[in-house]
Amino acid sequence: GVVSRDGLRLALPARAALDMARRETNPRAVVE
């Protein structure tokens, strides 16, 4: 799902958070 900010197409927060978190190998970073 997409939201627009400053003329940018951005993933909705839940998807963006999971996309970022699943690339982390540090459990503490995932929690943060």
Full PDB file with SEQRES, HELIX, SHEET, SSBOND, CRYST1, ORIGX, SCALE, CONECT and MASTER records, all heavy atoms in Angstrom:
SEQRES   1 A   32  GLY VAL VAL SER ARG ASP GLY LEU ARG LEU ALA LEU PRO          
SEQRES   2 A   32  ALA ARG ALA ALA LEU ASP MET ALA ARG ARG GLU THR ASN          
SEQRES   3 A   32  PRO ARG ALA VAL VAL GLU                                      
HELIX    1 AA1 PRO A   13  ALA A   21  1                                   9    
HELIX    2 AA2 PRO A   27  VAL A   31  1                                   5    
SHEET    1 AA1 2 VAL A   2  ARG A   5  0                                        
SHEET    2 AA1 2 LEU A   8  ALA A  11 -1                                        
CRYST1    1.000    1.000    1.000  90.00  90.00  90.00 P 1           1          
ORIGX1      1.000000  0.000000  0.000000        0.00000                         
ORIGX2      0.000000  1.000000  0.000000        0.00000                         
ORIGX3      0.000000  0.000000  1.000000        0.00000                         
SCALE1      1.000000  0.000000  0.000000        0.00000                         
SCALE2      0.000000  1.000000  0.000000        0.00000                         
SCALE3      0.000000  0.000000  1.000000        0.00000                         
ATOM      1  N   GLY A   1       0.862  -1.167   0.000  1.00  0.00           N  
ATOM      2  CA  GLY A   1       0.000   0.000   0.000  1.00  0.00           C  
ATOM      3  C   GLY A   1       0.904   1.224   0.000  1.00  0.00           C  
ATOM      4  O   GLY A   1       2.020   1.168   0.520  1.00  0.00           O  
ATOM      5  N   VAL A   2       0.450   2.304  -0.612  1.00  0.00           N  
ATOM      6  CA  VAL A   2       1.313   3.474  -0.813  1.00  0.00           C  
ATOM      7  C   VAL A   2       0.678   4.719  -0.218  1.00  0.00           C  
ATOM      8  O   VAL A   2      -0.528   4.930  -0.314  1.00  0.00           O  
ATOM      9  CB  VAL A   2       1.573   3.695  -2.327  1.00  0.00           C  
ATOM     10  CG1 VAL A   2       2.362   4.963  -2.583  1.00  0.00           C  
ATOM     11  CG2 VAL A   2       2.281   2.490  -2.920  1.00  0.00           C  
ATOM     12  N   VAL A   3       1.525   5.536   0.401  1.00  0.00           N  
ATOM     13  CA  VAL A   3       1.139   6.865   0.856  1.00  0.00           C  
ATOM     14  C   VAL A   3       2.068   7.855   0.147  1.00  0.00           C  
ATOM     15  O   VAL A   3       3.214   7.525  -0.153  1.00  0.00           O  
ATOM     16  CB  VAL A   3       1.234   6.976   2.402  1.00  0.00           C  
ATOM     17  CG1 VAL A   3       2.652   6.831   2.890  1.00  0.00           C  
ATOM     18  CG2 VAL A   3       0.634   8.278   2.892  1.00  0.00           C  
ATOM     19  N   SER A   4       1.580   9.038  -0.135  1.00  0.00           N  
ATOM     20  CA  SER A   4       2.398  10.038  -0.828  1.00  0.00           C  
ATOM     21  C   SER A   4       2.796  11.151   0.139  1.00  0.00           C  
ATOM     22  O   SER A   4       1.947  11.684   0.859  1.00  0.00           O  
ATOM     23  CB  SER A   4       1.597  10.628  -1.988  1.00  0.00           C  
ATOM     24  OG  SER A   4       2.380  11.548  -2.695  1.00  0.00           O  
ATOM     25  N   ARG A   5       4.093  11.450   0.176  1.00  0.00           N  
ATOM     26  CA  ARG A   5       4.630  12.548   0.999  1.00  0.00           C  
ATOM     27  C   ARG A   5       5.729  13.225   0.193  1.00  0.00           C  
ATOM     28  O   ARG A   5       6.596  12.546  -0.356  1.00  0.00           O  
ATOM     29  CB  ARG A   5       5.249  12.048   2.307  1.00  0.00           C  
ATOM     30  CG  ARG A   5       4.320  11.376   3.269  1.00  0.00           C  
ATOM     31  CD  ARG A   5       3.709  12.375   4.253  1.00  0.00           C  
ATOM     32  NE  ARG A   5       3.047  11.751   5.372  1.00  0.00           N  
ATOM     33  CZ  ARG A   5       1.923  11.056   5.316  1.00  0.00           C  
ATOM     34  NH1 ARG A   5       1.358  10.828   4.183  1.00  0.00           N  
ATOM     35  NH2 ARG A   5       1.369  10.576   6.404  1.00  0.00           N  
ATOM     36  N   ASP A   6       5.715  14.533   0.122  1.00  0.00           N  
ATOM     37  CA  ASP A   6       6.747  15.300  -0.586  1.00  0.00           C  
ATOM     38  C   ASP A   6       6.925  14.817  -2.028  1.00  0.00           C  
ATOM     39  O   ASP A   6       8.024  14.823  -2.564  1.00  0.00           O  
ATOM     40  CB  ASP A   6       8.104  15.208   0.139  1.00  0.00           C  
ATOM     41  CG  ASP A   6       8.038  15.718   1.562  1.00  0.00           C  
ATOM     42  OD1 ASP A   6       7.386  16.752   1.781  1.00  0.00           O  
ATOM     43  OD2 ASP A   6       8.624  15.075   2.449  1.00  0.00           O  
ATOM     44  N   GLY A   7       5.854  14.356  -2.637  1.00  0.00           N  
ATOM     45  CA  GLY A   7       5.935  13.852  -4.006  1.00  0.00           C  
ATOM     46  C   GLY A   7       6.585  12.485  -4.124  1.00  0.00           C  
ATOM     47  O   GLY A   7       6.917  12.042  -5.219  1.00  0.00           O  
ATOM     48  N   LEU A   8       6.750  11.787  -3.013  1.00  0.00           N  
ATOM     49  CA  LEU A   8       7.369  10.459  -3.005  1.00  0.00           C  
ATOM     50  C   LEU A   8       6.305   9.395  -2.788  1.00  0.00           C  
ATOM     51  O   LEU A   8       5.339   9.609  -2.056  1.00  0.00           O  
ATOM     52  CB  LEU A   8       8.388  10.363  -1.864  1.00  0.00           C  
ATOM     53  CG  LEU A   8       9.543  11.337  -1.878  1.00  0.00           C  
ATOM     54  CD1 LEU A   8      10.320  11.256  -0.571  1.00  0.00           C  
ATOM     55  CD2 LEU A   8      10.454  11.066  -3.062  1.00  0.00           C  
ATOM     56  N   ARG A   9       6.507   8.239  -3.401  1.00  0.00           N  
ATOM     57  CA  ARG A   9       5.664   7.081  -3.151  1.00  0.00           C  
ATOM     58  C   ARG A   9       6.329   6.269  -2.040  1.00  0.00           C  
ATOM     59  O   ARG A   9       7.428   5.752  -2.215  1.00  0.00           O  
ATOM     60  CB  ARG A   9       5.510   6.244  -4.427  1.00  0.00           C  
ATOM     61  CG  ARG A   9       4.714   6.966  -5.508  1.00  0.00           C  
ATOM     62  CD  ARG A   9       4.563   6.142  -6.782  1.00  0.00           C  
ATOM     63  NE  ARG A   9       5.822   5.660  -7.345  1.00  0.00           N  
ATOM     64  CZ  ARG A   9       6.656   6.381  -8.099  1.00  0.00           C  
ATOM     65  NH1 ARG A   9       6.370   7.639  -8.372  1.00  0.00           N  
ATOM     66  NH2 ARG A   9       7.767   5.859  -8.584  1.00  0.00           N  
ATOM     67  N   LEU A  10       5.658   6.178  -0.890  1.00  0.00           N  
ATOM     68  CA  LEU A  10       6.213   5.512   0.291  1.00  0.00           C  
ATOM     69  C   LEU A  10       5.346   4.328   0.677  1.00  0.00           C  
ATOM     70  O   LEU A  10       4.119   4.409   0.629  1.00  0.00           O  
ATOM     71  CB  LEU A  10       6.266   6.485   1.475  1.00  0.00           C  
ATOM     72  CG  LEU A  10       6.978   7.816   1.251  1.00  0.00           C  
ATOM     73  CD1 LEU A  10       6.757   8.738   2.446  1.00  0.00           C  
ATOM     74  CD2 LEU A  10       8.448   7.600   0.987  1.00  0.00           C  
ATOM     75  N   ALA A  11       5.984   3.231   1.079  1.00  0.00           N  
ATOM     76  CA  ALA A  11       5.245   2.071   1.578  1.00  0.00           C  
ATOM     77  C   ALA A  11       4.560   2.448   2.881  1.00  0.00           C  
ATOM     78  O   ALA A  11       5.078   3.243   3.677  1.00  0.00           O  
ATOM     79  CB  ALA A  11       6.193   0.901   1.795  1.00  0.00           C  
ATOM     80  N   LEU A  12       3.377   1.873   3.098  1.00  0.00           N  
ATOM     81  CA  LEU A  12       2.682   2.094   4.368  1.00  0.00           C  
ATOM     82  C   LEU A  12       3.572   1.632   5.522  1.00  0.00           C  
ATOM     83  O   LEU A  12       4.413   0.751   5.352  1.00  0.00           O  
ATOM     84  CB  LEU A  12       1.358   1.342   4.371  1.00  0.00           C  
ATOM     85  CG  LEU A  12       0.293   1.896   3.418  1.00  0.00           C  
ATOM     86  CD1 LEU A  12      -0.939   1.007   3.431  1.00  0.00           C  
ATOM     87  CD2 LEU A  12      -0.072   3.331   3.762  1.00  0.00           C  
ATOM     88  N   PRO A  13       3.409   2.221   6.703  1.00  0.00           N  
ATOM     89  CA  PRO A  13       4.333   1.969   7.808  1.00  0.00           C  
ATOM     90  C   PRO A  13       4.550   0.509   8.203  1.00  0.00           C  
ATOM     91  O   PRO A  13       5.687   0.105   8.437  1.00  0.00           O  
ATOM     92  CB  PRO A  13       3.724   2.774   8.964  1.00  0.00           C  
ATOM     93  CG  PRO A  13       2.998   3.881   8.294  1.00  0.00           C  
ATOM     94  CD  PRO A  13       2.451   3.270   7.034  1.00  0.00           C  
ATOM     95  N   ALA A  14       3.503  -0.292   8.293  1.00  0.00           N  
ATOM     96  CA  ALA A  14       3.697  -1.686   8.714  1.00  0.00           C  
ATOM     97  C   ALA A  14       4.585  -2.431   7.722  1.00  0.00           C  
ATOM     98  O   ALA A  14       5.496  -3.160   8.124  1.00  0.00           O  
ATOM     99  CB  ALA A  14       2.352  -2.392   8.874  1.00  0.00           C  
ATOM    100  N   ARG A  15       4.355  -2.228   6.445  1.00  0.00           N  
ATOM    101  CA  ARG A  15       5.181  -2.906   5.432  1.00  0.00           C  
ATOM    102  C   ARG A  15       6.614  -2.378   5.471  1.00  0.00           C  
ATOM    103  O   ARG A  15       7.576  -3.150   5.413  1.00  0.00           O  
ATOM    104  CB  ARG A  15       4.563  -2.692   4.036  1.00  0.00           C  
ATOM    105  CG  ARG A  15       5.385  -3.198   2.870  1.00  0.00           C  
ATOM    106  CD  ARG A  15       5.430  -4.731   2.812  1.00  0.00           C  
ATOM    107  NE  ARG A  15       6.239  -5.230   1.726  1.00  0.00           N  
ATOM    108  CZ  ARG A  15       5.770  -5.563   0.529  1.00  0.00           C  
ATOM    109  NH1 ARG A  15       4.483  -5.442   0.252  1.00  0.00           N  
ATOM    110  NH2 ARG A  15       6.580  -6.021  -0.389  1.00  0.00           N  
ATOM    111  N   ALA A  16       6.768  -1.055   5.551  1.00  0.00           N  
ATOM    112  CA  ALA A  16       8.112  -0.464   5.583  1.00  0.00           C  
ATOM    113  C   ALA A  16       8.896  -0.960   6.800  1.00  0.00           C  
ATOM    114  O   ALA A  16      10.088  -1.271   6.692  1.00  0.00           O  
ATOM    115  CB  ALA A  16       8.022   1.061   5.594  1.00  0.00           C  
ATOM    116  N   ALA A  17       8.231  -1.053   7.951  1.00  0.00           N  
ATOM    117  CA  ALA A  17       8.905  -1.528   9.166  1.00  0.00           C  
ATOM    118  C   ALA A  17       9.348  -2.980   9.008  1.00  0.00           C  
ATOM    119  O   ALA A  17      10.477  -3.335   9.367  1.00  0.00           O  
ATOM    120  CB  ALA A  17       7.976  -1.380  10.368  1.00  0.00           C  
ATOM    121  N   LEU A  18       8.483  -3.828   8.469  1.00  0.00           N  
ATOM    122  CA  LEU A  18       8.855  -5.233   8.294  1.00  0.00           C  
ATOM    123  C   LEU A  18       9.937  -5.390   7.237  1.00  0.00           C  
ATOM    124  O   LEU A  18      10.836  -6.217   7.391  1.00  0.00           O  
ATOM    125  CB  LEU A  18       7.631  -6.072   7.959  1.00  0.00           C  
ATOM    126  CG  LEU A  18       6.623  -6.216   9.093  1.00  0.00           C  
ATOM    127  CD1 LEU A  18       5.484  -7.137   8.691  1.00  0.00           C  
ATOM    128  CD2 LEU A  18       7.269  -6.689  10.370  1.00  0.00           C  
ATOM    129  N   ASP A  19       9.869  -4.601   6.163  1.00  0.00           N  
ATOM    130  CA  ASP A  19      10.924  -4.661   5.144  1.00  0.00           C  
ATOM    131  C   ASP A  19      12.275  -4.307   5.752  1.00  0.00           C  
ATOM    132  O   ASP A  19      13.290  -4.919   5.432  1.00  0.00           O  
ATOM    133  CB  ASP A  19      10.615  -3.707   3.983  1.00  0.00           C  
ATOM    134  CG  ASP A  19       9.507  -4.196   3.077  1.00  0.00           C  
ATOM    135  OD1 ASP A  19       9.214  -5.413   3.085  1.00  0.00           O  
ATOM    136  OD2 ASP A  19       8.929  -3.362   2.356  1.00  0.00           O  
ATOM    137  N   MET A  20      12.283  -3.331   6.638  1.00  0.00           N  
ATOM    138  CA  MET A  20      13.524  -2.920   7.284  1.00  0.00           C  
ATOM    139  C   MET A  20      13.967  -3.950   8.335  1.00  0.00           C  
ATOM    140  O   MET A  20      15.124  -4.357   8.370  1.00  0.00           O  
ATOM    141  CB  MET A  20      13.324  -1.551   7.935  1.00  0.00           C  
ATOM    142  CG  MET A  20      14.557  -0.997   8.590  1.00  0.00           C  
ATOM    143  SD  MET A  20      14.181   0.633   9.293  1.00  0.00           S  
ATOM    144  CE  MET A  20      15.762   1.032   9.983  1.00  0.00           C  
ATOM    145  N   ALA A  21      13.031  -4.381   9.163  1.00  0.00           N  
ATOM    146  CA  ALA A  21      13.365  -5.267  10.280  1.00  0.00           C  
ATOM    147  C   ALA A  21      13.840  -6.644   9.814  1.00  0.00           C  
ATOM    148  O   ALA A  21      14.751  -7.218  10.406  1.00  0.00           O  
ATOM    149  CB  ALA A  21      12.156  -5.412  11.206  1.00  0.00           C  
ATOM    150  N   ARG A  22      13.268  -7.173   8.757  1.00  0.00           N  
ATOM    151  CA  ARG A  22      13.653  -8.526   8.346  1.00  0.00           C  
ATOM    152  C   ARG A  22      15.035  -8.587   7.720  1.00  0.00           C  
ATOM    153  O   ARG A  22      15.589  -9.657   7.542  1.00  0.00           O  
ATOM    154  CB  ARG A  22      12.604  -9.156   7.448  1.00  0.00           C  
ATOM    155  CG  ARG A  22      12.455  -8.581   6.105  1.00  0.00           C  
ATOM    156  CD  ARG A  22      11.293  -9.248   5.367  1.00  0.00           C  
ATOM    157  NE  ARG A  22      10.984  -8.514   4.180  1.00  0.00           N  
ATOM    158  CZ  ARG A  22      11.710  -8.546   3.076  1.00  0.00           C  
ATOM    159  NH1 ARG A  22      12.770  -9.310   3.004  1.00  0.00           N  
ATOM    160  NH2 ARG A  22      11.375  -7.820   2.037  1.00  0.00           N  
ATOM    161  N   ARG A  23      15.636  -7.463   7.445  1.00  0.00           N  
ATOM    162  CA  ARG A  23      17.005  -7.431   6.934  1.00  0.00           C  
ATOM    163  C   ARG A  23      18.029  -7.302   8.063  1.00  0.00           C  
ATOM    164  O   ARG A  23      19.218  -7.374   7.835  1.00  0.00           O  
ATOM    165  CB  ARG A  23      17.180  -6.281   5.945  1.00  0.00           C  
ATOM    166  CG  ARG A  23      16.360  -6.515   4.692  1.00  0.00           C  
ATOM    167  CD  ARG A  23      16.702  -5.531   3.609  1.00  0.00           C  
ATOM    168  NE  ARG A  23      16.211  -6.023   2.347  1.00  0.00           N  
ATOM    169  CZ  ARG A  23      16.817  -6.923   1.579  1.00  0.00           C  
ATOM    170  NH1 ARG A  23      17.957  -7.426   1.950  1.00  0.00           N  
ATOM    171  NH2 ARG A  23      16.295  -7.312   0.442  1.00  0.00           N  
ATOM    172  N   GLU A  24      17.542  -7.092   9.273  1.00  0.00           N  
ATOM    173  CA  GLU A  24      18.420  -6.939  10.435  1.00  0.00           C  
ATOM    174  C   GLU A  24      18.833  -8.294  10.991  1.00  0.00           C  
ATOM    175  O   GLU A  24      18.023  -9.218  11.034  1.00  0.00           O  
ATOM    176  CB  GLU A  24      17.712  -6.165  11.547  1.00  0.00           C  
ATOM    177  CG  GLU A  24      17.729  -4.679  11.380  1.00  0.00           C  
ATOM    178  CD  GLU A  24      19.116  -4.078  11.501  1.00  0.00           C  
ATOM    179  OE1 GLU A  24      20.004  -4.674  12.140  1.00  0.00           O  
ATOM    180  OE2 GLU A  24      19.302  -2.991  10.959  1.00  0.00           O  
ATOM    181  N   THR A  25      20.066  -8.374  11.454  1.00  0.00           N  
ATOM    182  CA  THR A  25      20.539  -9.597  12.103  1.00  0.00           C  
ATOM    183  C   THR A  25      20.694  -9.404  13.611  1.00  0.00           C  
ATOM    184  O   THR A  25      20.888 -10.371  14.328  1.00  0.00           O  
ATOM    185  CB  THR A  25      21.900 -10.034  11.518  1.00  0.00           C  
ATOM    186  OG1 THR A  25      22.833  -8.964  11.646  1.00  0.00           O  
ATOM    187  CG2 THR A  25      21.755 -10.422  10.049  1.00  0.00           C  
ATOM    188  N   ASN A  26      20.587  -8.165  14.065  1.00  0.00           N  
ATOM    189  CA  ASN A  26      20.712  -7.846  15.485  1.00  0.00           C  
ATOM    190  C   ASN A  26      19.309  -7.795  16.107  1.00  0.00           C  
ATOM    191  O   ASN A  26      18.510  -6.926  15.760  1.00  0.00           O  
ATOM    192  CB  ASN A  26      21.417  -6.499  15.633  1.00  0.00           C  
ATOM    193  CG  ASN A  26      21.588  -6.078  17.070  1.00  0.00           C  
ATOM    194  OD1 ASN A  26      20.905  -6.552  17.975  1.00  0.00           O  
ATOM    195  ND2 ASN A  26      22.507  -5.155  17.286  1.00  0.00           N  
ATOM    196  N   PRO A  27      18.994  -8.699  17.035  1.00  0.00           N  
ATOM    197  CA  PRO A  27      17.655  -8.711  17.640  1.00  0.00           C  
ATOM    198  C   PRO A  27      17.274  -7.381  18.282  1.00  0.00           C  
ATOM    199  O   PRO A  27      16.123  -6.960  18.212  1.00  0.00           O  
ATOM    200  CB  PRO A  27      17.736  -9.822  18.694  1.00  0.00           C  
ATOM    201  CG  PRO A  27      18.864 -10.687  18.257  1.00  0.00           C  
ATOM    202  CD  PRO A  27      19.838  -9.787  17.552  1.00  0.00           C  
ATOM    203  N   ARG A  28      18.241  -6.705  18.886  1.00  0.00           N  
ATOM    204  CA  ARG A  28      17.954  -5.416  19.527  1.00  0.00           C  
ATOM    205  C   ARG A  28      17.520  -4.374  18.482  1.00  0.00           C  
ATOM    206  O   ARG A  28      16.604  -3.585  18.718  1.00  0.00           O  
ATOM    207  CB  ARG A  28      19.185  -4.922  20.285  1.00  0.00           C  
ATOM    208  CG  ARG A  28      18.898  -3.644  21.081  1.00  0.00           C  
ATOM    209  CD  ARG A  28      20.043  -3.281  21.981  1.00  0.00           C  
ATOM    210  NE  ARG A  28      20.142  -4.308  23.028  1.00  0.00           N  
ATOM    211  CZ  ARG A  28      21.279  -4.678  23.578  1.00  0.00           C  
ATOM    212  NH1 ARG A  28      22.415  -4.132  23.229  1.00  0.00           N  
ATOM    213  NH2 ARG A  28      21.286  -5.605  24.511  1.00  0.00           N  
ATOM    214  N   ALA A  29      18.159  -4.381  17.319  1.00  0.00           N  
ATOM    215  CA  ALA A  29      17.793  -3.441  16.247  1.00  0.00           C  
ATOM    216  C   ALA A  29      16.372  -3.717  15.748  1.00  0.00           C  
ATOM    217  O   ALA A  29      15.619  -2.781  15.458  1.00  0.00           O  
ATOM    218  CB  ALA A  29      18.795  -3.524  15.102  1.00  0.00           C  
ATOM    219  N   VAL A  30      15.998  -4.981  15.656  1.00  0.00           N  
ATOM    220  CA  VAL A  30      14.642  -5.337  15.230  1.00  0.00           C  
ATOM    221  C   VAL A  30      13.623  -4.785  16.220  1.00  0.00           C  
ATOM    222  O   VAL A  30      12.623  -4.176  15.834  1.00  0.00           O  
ATOM    223  CB  VAL A  30      14.495  -6.872  15.062  1.00  0.00           C  
ATOM    224  CG1 VAL A  30      13.044  -7.248  14.780  1.00  0.00           C  
ATOM    225  CG2 VAL A  30      15.409  -7.382  13.957  1.00  0.00           C  
ATOM    226  N   VAL A  31      13.884  -4.964  17.501  1.00  0.00           N  
ATOM    227  CA  VAL A  31      12.997  -4.440  18.547  1.00  0.00           C  
ATOM    228  C   VAL A  31      12.891  -2.923  18.427  1.00  0.00           C  
ATOM    229  O   VAL A  31      11.798  -2.352  18.511  1.00  0.00           O  
ATOM    230  CB  VAL A  31      13.501  -4.855  19.954  1.00  0.00           C  
ATOM    231  CG1 VAL A  31      12.800  -4.070  21.052  1.00  0.00           C  
ATOM    232  CG2 VAL A  31      13.324  -6.353  20.158  1.00  0.00           C  
ATOM    233  N   GLU A  32      14.013  -2.238  18.220  1.00  0.00           N  
ATOM    234  CA  GLU A  32      14.011  -0.771  18.109  1.00  0.00           C  
ATOM    235  C   GLU A  32      13.176  -0.299  16.920  1.00  0.00           C  
ATOM    236  O   GLU A  32      12.455   0.692  17.019  1.00  0.00           O  
ATOM    237  CB  GLU A  32      15.446  -0.251  18.009  1.00  0.00           C  
ATOM    238  CG  GLU A  32      16.195  -0.373  19.315  1.00  0.00           C  
ATOM    239  CD  GLU A  32      17.685  -0.072  19.189  1.00  0.00           C  
ATOM    240  OE1 GLU A  32      18.154   0.262  18.082  1.00  0.00           O  
ATOM    241  OE2 GLU A  32      18.378  -0.195  20.217  1.00  0.00           O  
TER     242      GLU A  32                                                      
MASTER        0    0    0    2    2    0    0    6  241    1    0    3          
END                                                                             
